[in-house]
Amino acid sequence: MKKYVLSESDIQLLIGLAVDQYCTEHGLEGEQEFEAIEEAVNIAIMLCDHLSGKKPFDPDIVEIAKSMLDIFHISV
C-alpha cells in the first residue's frame, strides 16, 4: 500500500474537496449540502485530532474496523 505525507491542511482540503464532489455527484443542495459539509468538517477535525494524538480513536474500535476491512478485503 502506498504511504503519503500530508499536512493537517492537506487532509482538511482533501476532505473538503471530496465532500464537494460528493454533493455535486449526488445532487445535494441547500440544507442537505450544508449538513454534508458540516459533517465533513467534523470528520476532518476528528481525523486530525487522532493523528496528532490529541484525541485518538478508541484502540478497540480501531481493531474492529481493521478486522472489518480484512473481511471485505480492503487494504489499509
PDB file of N, CA and C in Angstrom:
ATOM      1  N   MET A   1       0.832  -1.170   0.000  1.00  0.00           N
ATOM      2  CA  MET A   1       0.000   0.000   0.000  1.00  0.00           C
ATOM      3  C   MET A   1       0.881   1.240   0.000  1.00  0.00           C
ATOM      4  N   LYS A   2       0.459   2.240  -0.750  1.00  0.00           N
ATOM      5  CA  LYS A   2       1.188   3.488  -0.841  1.00  0.00           C
ATOM      6  C   LYS A   2       1.021   4.302   0.435  1.00  0.00           C
ATOM      7  N   LYS A   3       2.077   4.984   0.842  1.00  0.00           N
ATOM      8  CA  LYS A   3       2.010   5.879   2.000  1.00  0.00           C
ATOM      9  C   LYS A   3       2.186   7.307   1.496  1.00  0.00           C
ATOM     10  N   TYR A   4       1.532   8.217   2.191  1.00  0.00           N
ATOM     11  CA  TYR A   4       1.570   9.622   1.804  1.00  0.00           C
ATOM     12  C   TYR A   4       1.999  10.476   2.995  1.00  0.00           C
ATOM     13  N   VAL A   5       2.632  11.584   2.702  1.00  0.00           N
ATOM     14  CA  VAL A   5       2.959  12.570   3.728  1.00  0.00           C
ATOM     15  C   VAL A   5       2.038  13.759   3.467  1.00  0.00           C
ATOM     16  N   LEU A   6       1.118  13.985   4.422  1.00  0.00           N
ATOM     17  CA  LEU A   6       0.132  15.058   4.276  1.00  0.00           C
ATOM     18  C   LEU A   6       0.117  15.919   5.528  1.00  0.00           C
ATOM     19  N   SER A   7      -0.032  17.205   5.344  1.00  0.00           N
ATOM     20  CA  SER A   7      -0.200  18.102   6.487  1.00  0.00           C
ATOM     21  C   SER A   7      -1.671  18.085   6.905  1.00  0.00           C
ATOM     22  N   GLU A   8      -1.956  18.655   8.087  1.00  0.00           N
ATOM     23  CA  GLU A   8      -3.348  18.768   8.501  1.00  0.00           C
ATOM     24  C   GLU A   8      -4.138  19.589   7.488  1.00  0.00           C
ATOM     25  N   SER A   9      -3.513  20.609   6.947  1.00  0.00           N
ATOM     26  CA  SER A   9      -4.184  21.439   5.930  1.00  0.00           C
ATOM     27  C   SER A   9      -4.518  20.619   4.690  1.00  0.00           C
ATOM     28  N   ASP A  10      -3.586  19.754   4.283  1.00  0.00           N
ATOM     29  CA  ASP A  10      -3.824  18.882   3.126  1.00  0.00           C
ATOM     30  C   ASP A  10      -5.025  17.969   3.385  1.00  0.00           C
ATOM     31  N   ILE A  11      -5.063  17.376   4.582  1.00  0.00           N
ATOM     32  CA  ILE A  11      -6.155  16.462   4.939  1.00  0.00           C
ATOM     33  C   ILE A  11      -7.484  17.202   4.916  1.00  0.00           C
ATOM     34  N   GLN A  12      -7.520  18.384   5.532  1.00  0.00           N
ATOM     35  CA  GLN A  12      -8.756  19.161   5.564  1.00  0.00           C
ATOM     36  C   GLN A  12      -9.194  19.566   4.158  1.00  0.00           C
ATOM     37  N   LEU A  13      -8.241  19.966   3.332  1.00  0.00           N
ATOM     38  CA  LEU A  13      -8.550  20.340   1.954  1.00  0.00           C
ATOM     39  C   LEU A  13      -9.112  19.151   1.182  1.00  0.00           C
ATOM     40  N   LEU A  14      -8.468  18.001   1.297  1.00  0.00           N
ATOM     41  CA  LEU A  14      -8.918  16.819   0.555  1.00  0.00           C
ATOM     42  C   LEU A  14     -10.303  16.358   0.999  1.00  0.00           C
ATOM     43  N   ILE A  15     -10.572  16.411   2.292  1.00  0.00           N
ATOM     44  CA  ILE A  15     -11.906  16.040   2.770  1.00  0.00           C
ATOM     45  C   ILE A  15     -12.937  17.041   2.247  1.00  0.00           C
ATOM     46  N   GLY A  16     -12.578  18.328   2.250  1.00  0.00           N
ATOM     47  CA  GLY A  16     -13.476  19.350   1.705  1.00  0.00           C
ATOM     48  C   GLY A  16     -13.753  19.146   0.231  1.00  0.00           C
ATOM     49  N   LEU A  17     -12.717  18.836  -0.538  1.00  0.00           N
ATOM     50  CA  LEU A  17     -12.894  18.581  -1.967  1.00  0.00           C
ATOM     51  C   LEU A  17     -13.746  17.335  -2.207  1.00  0.00           C
ATOM     52  N   ALA A  18     -13.531  16.313  -1.377  1.00  0.00           N
ATOM     53  CA  ALA A  18     -14.303  15.082  -1.528  1.00  0.00           C
ATOM     54  C   ALA A  18     -15.781  15.323  -1.243  1.00  0.00           C
ATOM     55  N   VAL A  19     -16.087  16.076  -0.196  1.00  0.00           N
ATOM     56  CA  VAL A  19     -17.497  16.330   0.111  1.00  0.00           C
ATOM     57  C   VAL A  19     -18.127  17.213  -0.954  1.00  0.00           C
ATOM     58  N   ASP A  20     -17.368  18.158  -1.495  1.00  0.00           N
ATOM     59  CA  ASP A  20     -17.893  18.985  -2.587  1.00  0.00           C
ATOM     60  C   ASP A  20     -18.232  18.134  -3.797  1.00  0.00           C
ATOM     61  N   GLN A  21     -17.321  17.232  -4.156  1.00  0.00           N
ATOM     62  CA  GLN A  21     -17.563  16.351  -5.292  1.00  0.00           C
ATOM     63  C   GLN A  21     -18.755  15.432  -5.020  1.00  0.00           C
ATOM     64  N   TYR A  22     -18.845  14.900  -3.790  1.00  0.00           N
ATOM     65  CA  TYR A  22     -19.963  14.030  -3.419  1.00  0.00           C
ATOM     66  C   TYR A  22     -21.294  14.777  -3.554  1.00  0.00           C
ATOM     67  N   CYS A  23     -21.329  16.008  -3.036  1.00  0.00           N
ATOM     68  CA  CYS A  23     -22.565  16.793  -3.119  1.00  0.00           C
ATOM     69  C   CYS A  23     -22.958  17.041  -4.576  1.00  0.00           C
ATOM     70  N   THR A  24     -21.992  17.358  -5.392  1.00  0.00           N
ATOM     71  CA  THR A  24     -22.258  17.599  -6.811  1.00  0.00           C
ATOM     72  C   THR A  24     -22.774  16.336  -7.496  1.00  0.00           C
ATOM     73  N   GLU A  25     -22.096  15.215  -7.277  1.00  0.00           N
ATOM     74  CA  GLU A  25     -22.469  13.961  -7.928  1.00  0.00           C
ATOM     75  C   GLU A  25     -23.822  13.427  -7.462  1.00  0.00           C
ATOM     76  N   HIS A  26     -24.214  13.755  -6.234  1.00  0.00           N
ATOM     77  CA  HIS A  26     -25.465  13.235  -5.682  1.00  0.00           C
ATOM     78  C   HIS A  26     -26.567  14.289  -5.631  1.00  0.00           C
ATOM     79  N   GLY A  27     -26.314  15.432  -6.233  1.00  0.00           N
ATOM     80  CA  GLY A  27     -27.324  16.475  -6.332  1.00  0.00           C
ATOM     81  C   GLY A  27     -27.734  17.086  -5.003  1.00  0.00           C
ATOM     82  N   LEU A  28     -26.821  17.104  -4.044  1.00  0.00           N
ATOM     83  CA  LEU A  28     -27.146  17.709  -2.754  1.00  0.00           C
ATOM     84  C   LEU A  28     -27.011  19.217  -2.864  1.00  0.00           C
ATOM     85  N   GLU A  29     -28.042  19.917  -2.441  1.00  0.00           N
ATOM     86  CA  GLU A  29     -28.039  21.375  -2.477  1.00  0.00           C
ATOM     87  C   GLU A  29     -28.678  21.910  -1.206  1.00  0.00           C
ATOM     88  N   GLY A  30     -28.488  23.181  -0.965  1.00  0.00           N
ATOM     89  CA  GLY A  30     -29.134  23.835   0.164  1.00  0.00           C
ATOM     90  C   GLY A  30     -28.789  23.202   1.493  1.00  0.00           C
ATOM     91  N   GLU A  31     -29.821  22.906   2.275  1.00  0.00           N
ATOM     92  CA  GLU A  31     -29.643  22.365   3.620  1.00  0.00           C
ATOM     93  C   GLU A  31     -28.897  21.035   3.619  1.00  0.00           C
ATOM     94  N   GLN A  32     -29.196  20.168   2.642  1.00  0.00           N
ATOM     95  CA  GLN A  32     -28.506  18.864   2.568  1.00  0.00           C
ATOM     96  C   GLN A  32     -27.018  19.061   2.322  1.00  0.00           C
ATOM     97  N   GLU A  33     -26.674  19.978   1.441  1.00  0.00           N
ATOM     98  CA  GLU A  33     -25.270  20.250   1.154  1.00  0.00           C
ATOM     99  C   GLU A  33     -24.584  20.834   2.387  1.00  0.00           C
ATOM    100  N   PHE A  34     -25.256  21.762   3.066  1.00  0.00           N
ATOM    101  CA  PHE A  34     -24.699  22.362   4.268  1.00  0.00           C
ATOM    102  C   PHE A  34     -24.431  21.301   5.333  1.00  0.00           C
ATOM    103  N   GLU A  35     -25.388  20.377   5.535  1.00  0.00           N
ATOM    104  CA  GLU A  35     -25.221  19.310   6.528  1.00  0.00           C
ATOM    105  C   GLU A  35     -24.052  18.390   6.163  1.00  0.00           C
ATOM    106  N   ALA A  36     -23.903  18.073   4.879  1.00  0.00           N
ATOM    107  CA  ALA A  36     -22.795  17.222   4.440  1.00  0.00           C
ATOM    108  C   ALA A  36     -21.460  17.911   4.706  1.00  0.00           C
ATOM    109  N   ILE A  37     -21.383  19.203   4.417  1.00  0.00           N
ATOM    110  CA  ILE A  37     -20.153  19.960   4.644  1.00  0.00           C
ATOM    111  C   ILE A  37     -19.856  20.031   6.139  1.00  0.00           C
ATOM    112  N   GLU A  38     -20.889  20.262   6.942  1.00  0.00           N
ATOM    113  CA  GLU A  38     -20.715  20.327   8.386  1.00  0.00           C
ATOM    114  C   GLU A  38     -20.165  19.009   8.932  1.00  0.00           C
ATOM    115  N   GLU A  39     -20.701  17.891   8.450  1.00  0.00           N
ATOM    116  CA  GLU A  39     -20.201  16.581   8.887  1.00  0.00           C
ATOM    117  C   GLU A  39     -18.773  16.350   8.420  1.00  0.00           C
ATOM    118  N   ALA A  40     -18.441  16.789   7.216  1.00  0.00           N
ATOM    119  CA  ALA A  40     -17.072  16.649   6.705  1.00  0.00           C
ATOM    120  C   ALA A  40     -16.093  17.432   7.564  1.00  0.00           C
ATOM    121  N   VAL A  41     -16.489  18.624   7.996  1.00  0.00           N
ATOM    122  CA  VAL A  41     -15.633  19.422   8.873  1.00  0.00           C
ATOM    123  C   VAL A  41     -15.384  18.666  10.174  1.00  0.00           C
ATOM    124  N   ASN A  42     -16.448  18.097  10.748  1.00  0.00           N
ATOM    125  CA  ASN A  42     -16.305  17.326  11.989  1.00  0.00           C
ATOM    126  C   ASN A  42     -15.393  16.120  11.795  1.00  0.00           C
ATOM    127  N   ILE A  43     -15.523  15.437  10.670  1.00  0.00           N
ATOM    128  CA  ILE A  43     -14.672  14.283  10.372  1.00  0.00           C
ATOM    129  C   ILE A  43     -13.215  14.724  10.230  1.00  0.00           C
ATOM    130  N   ALA A  44     -12.979  15.827   9.545  1.00  0.00           N
ATOM    131  CA  ALA A  44     -11.612  16.331   9.372  1.00  0.00           C
ATOM    132  C   ALA A  44     -10.987  16.656  10.725  1.00  0.00           C
ATOM    133  N   ILE A  45     -11.764  17.283  11.597  1.00  0.00           N
ATOM    134  CA  ILE A  45     -11.264  17.621  12.932  1.00  0.00           C
ATOM    135  C   ILE A  45     -10.924  16.353  13.707  1.00  0.00           C
ATOM    136  N   MET A  46     -11.840  15.380  13.691  1.00  0.00           N
ATOM    137  CA  MET A  46     -11.613  14.128  14.418  1.00  0.00           C
ATOM    138  C   MET A  46     -10.391  13.396  13.883  1.00  0.00           C
ATOM    139  N   LEU A  47     -10.233  13.372  12.566  1.00  0.00           N
ATOM    140  CA  LEU A  47      -9.094  12.689  11.960  1.00  0.00           C
ATOM    141  C   LEU A  47      -7.778  13.362  12.349  1.00  0.00           C
ATOM    142  N   CYS A  48      -7.741  14.678  12.262  1.00  0.00           N
ATOM    143  CA  CYS A  48      -6.518  15.400  12.630  1.00  0.00           C
ATOM    144  C   CYS A  48      -6.216  15.242  14.117  1.00  0.00           C
ATOM    145  N   ASP A  49      -7.258  15.266  14.954  1.00  0.00           N
ATOM    146  CA  ASP A  49      -7.058  15.054  16.393  1.00  0.00           C
ATOM    147  C   ASP A  49      -6.510  13.662  16.673  1.00  0.00           C
ATOM    148  N   HIS A  50      -6.986  12.672  15.933  1.00  0.00           N
ATOM    149  CA  HIS A  50      -6.484  11.302  16.110  1.00  0.00           C
ATOM    150  C   HIS A  50      -5.019  11.217  15.693  1.00  0.00           C
ATOM    151  N   LEU A  51      -4.711  11.735  14.530  1.00  0.00           N
ATOM    152  CA  LEU A  51      -3.351  11.640  14.002  1.00  0.00           C
ATOM    153  C   LEU A  51      -2.344  12.412  14.854  1.00  0.00           C
ATOM    154  N   SER A  52      -2.767  13.504  15.453  1.00  0.00           N
ATOM    155  CA  SER A  52      -1.867  14.304  16.285  1.00  0.00           C
ATOM    156  C   SER A  52      -1.721  13.730  17.691  1.00  0.00           C
ATOM    157  N   GLY A  53      -2.607  12.790  18.045  1.00  0.00           N
ATOM    158  CA  GLY A  53      -2.585  12.221  19.385  1.00  0.00           C
ATOM    159  C   GLY A  53      -3.391  13.031  20.387  1.00  0.00           C
ATOM    160  N   LYS A  54      -3.978  14.132  19.934  1.00  0.00           N
ATOM    161  CA  LYS A  54      -4.771  14.988  20.811  1.00  0.00           C
ATOM    162  C   LYS A  54      -6.001  14.253  21.351  1.00  0.00           C
ATOM    163  N   LYS A  55      -6.649  13.489  20.472  1.00  0.00           N
ATOM    164  CA  LYS A  55      -7.827  12.730  20.870  1.00  0.00           C
ATOM    165  C   LYS A  55      -7.911  11.472  19.989  1.00  0.00           C
ATOM    166  N   PRO A  56      -7.092  10.469  20.310  1.00  0.00           N
ATOM    167  CA  PRO A  56      -7.054   9.270  19.469  1.00  0.00           C
ATOM    168  C   PRO A  56      -8.355   8.471  19.531  1.00  0.00           C
ATOM    169  N   PHE A  57      -8.607   7.751  18.450  1.00  0.00           N
ATOM    170  CA  PHE A  57      -9.762   6.860  18.403  1.00  0.00           C
ATOM    171  C   PHE A  57      -9.554   5.728  19.401  1.00  0.00           C
ATOM    172  N   ASP A  58     -10.637   5.162  19.870  1.00  0.00           N
ATOM    173  CA  ASP A  58     -10.593   4.030  20.797  1.00  0.00           C
ATOM    174  C   ASP A  58      -9.857   2.869  20.120  1.00  0.00           C
ATOM    175  N   PRO A  59      -8.766   2.368  20.714  1.00  0.00           N
ATOM    176  CA  PRO A  59      -7.974   1.295  20.095  1.00  0.00           C
ATOM    177  C   PRO A  59      -8.792   0.035  19.808  1.00  0.00           C
ATOM    178  N   ASP A  60      -9.765  -0.271  20.672  1.00  0.00           N
ATOM    179  CA  ASP A  60     -10.609  -1.448  20.429  1.00  0.00           C
ATOM    180  C   ASP A  60     -11.444  -1.272  19.159  1.00  0.00           C
ATOM    181  N   ILE A  61     -11.962  -0.059  18.970  1.00  0.00           N
ATOM    182  CA  ILE A  61     -12.757   0.226  17.769  1.00  0.00           C
ATOM    183  C   ILE A  61     -11.868   0.191  16.532  1.00  0.00           C
ATOM    184  N   VAL A  62     -10.629   0.671  16.662  1.00  0.00           N
ATOM    185  CA  VAL A  62      -9.686   0.629  15.536  1.00  0.00           C
ATOM    186  C   VAL A  62      -9.446  -0.819  15.119  1.00  0.00           C
ATOM    187  N   GLU A  63      -9.250  -1.703  16.083  1.00  0.00           N
ATOM    188  CA  GLU A  63      -9.024  -3.123  15.774  1.00  0.00           C
ATOM    189  C   GLU A  63     -10.246  -3.748  15.109  1.00  0.00           C
ATOM    190  N   ILE A  64     -11.429  -3.411  15.589  1.00  0.00           N
ATOM    191  CA  ILE A  64     -12.672  -3.920  14.978  1.00  0.00           C
ATOM    192  C   ILE A  64     -12.774  -3.431  13.538  1.00  0.00           C
ATOM    193  N   ALA A  65     -12.476  -2.165  13.326  1.00  0.00           N
ATOM    194  CA  ALA A  65     -12.542  -1.599  11.973  1.00  0.00           C
ATOM    195  C   ALA A  65     -11.549  -2.289  11.046  1.00  0.00           C
ATOM    196  N   LYS A  66     -10.326  -2.547  11.547  1.00  0.00           N
ATOM    197  CA  LYS A  66      -9.330  -3.254  10.735  1.00  0.00           C
ATOM    198  C   LYS A  66      -9.816  -4.649  10.384  1.00  0.00           C
ATOM    199  N   SER A  67     -10.434  -5.322  11.339  1.00  0.00           N
ATOM    200  CA  SER A  67     -10.972  -6.667  11.093  1.00  0.00           C
ATOM    201  C   SER A  67     -12.053  -6.627  10.022  1.00  0.00           C
ATOM    202  N   MET A  68     -12.911  -5.625  10.104  1.00  0.00           N
ATOM    203  CA  MET A  68     -13.986  -5.492   9.111  1.00  0.00           C
ATOM    204  C   MET A  68     -13.399  -5.255   7.718  1.00  0.00           C
ATOM    205  N   LEU A  69     -12.367  -4.421   7.640  1.00  0.00           N
ATOM    206  CA  LEU A  69     -11.733  -4.161   6.349  1.00  0.00           C
ATOM    207  C   LEU A  69     -11.104  -5.444   5.800  1.00  0.00           C
ATOM    208  N   ASP A  70     -10.502  -6.250   6.691  1.00  0.00           N
ATOM    209  CA  ASP A  70      -9.916  -7.527   6.268  1.00  0.00           C
ATOM    210  C   ASP A  70     -10.985  -8.457   5.722  1.00  0.00           C
ATOM    211  N   ILE A  71     -12.135  -8.492   6.378  1.00  0.00           N
ATOM    212  CA  ILE A  71     -13.235  -9.351   5.934  1.00  0.00           C
ATOM    213  C   ILE A  71     -13.654  -9.006   4.520  1.00  0.00           C
ATOM    214  N   PHE A  72     -13.701  -7.709   4.229  1.00  0.00           N
ATOM    215  CA  PHE A  72     -14.127  -7.257   2.916  1.00  0.00           C
ATOM    216  C   PHE A  72     -12.962  -7.037   1.951  1.00  0.00           C
ATOM    217  N   HIS A  73     -11.779  -7.511   2.364  1.00  0.00           N
ATOM    218  CA  HIS A  73     -10.562  -7.462   1.538  1.00  0.00           C
ATOM    219  C   HIS A  73     -10.217  -6.042   1.101  1.00  0.00           C
ATOM    220  N   ILE A  74     -10.342  -5.108   2.027  1.00  0.00           N
ATOM    221  CA  ILE A  74      -9.977  -3.717   1.772  1.00  0.00           C
ATOM    222  C   ILE A  74      -8.657  -3.483   2.488  1.00  0.00           C
ATOM    223  N   SER A  75      -7.648  -3.062   1.754  1.00  0.00           N
ATOM    224  CA  SER A  75      -6.342  -2.867   2.398  1.00  0.00           C
ATOM    225  C   SER A  75      -6.258  -1.501   3.043  1.00  0.00           C
ATOM    226  N   VAL A  76      -5.539  -1.452   4.180  1.00  0.00           N
ATOM    227  CA  VAL A  76      -5.296  -0.180   4.871  1.00  0.00           C
ATOM    228  C   VAL A  76      -3.826  -0.013   5.093  1.00  0.00           C
TER     229      VAL A  76
END
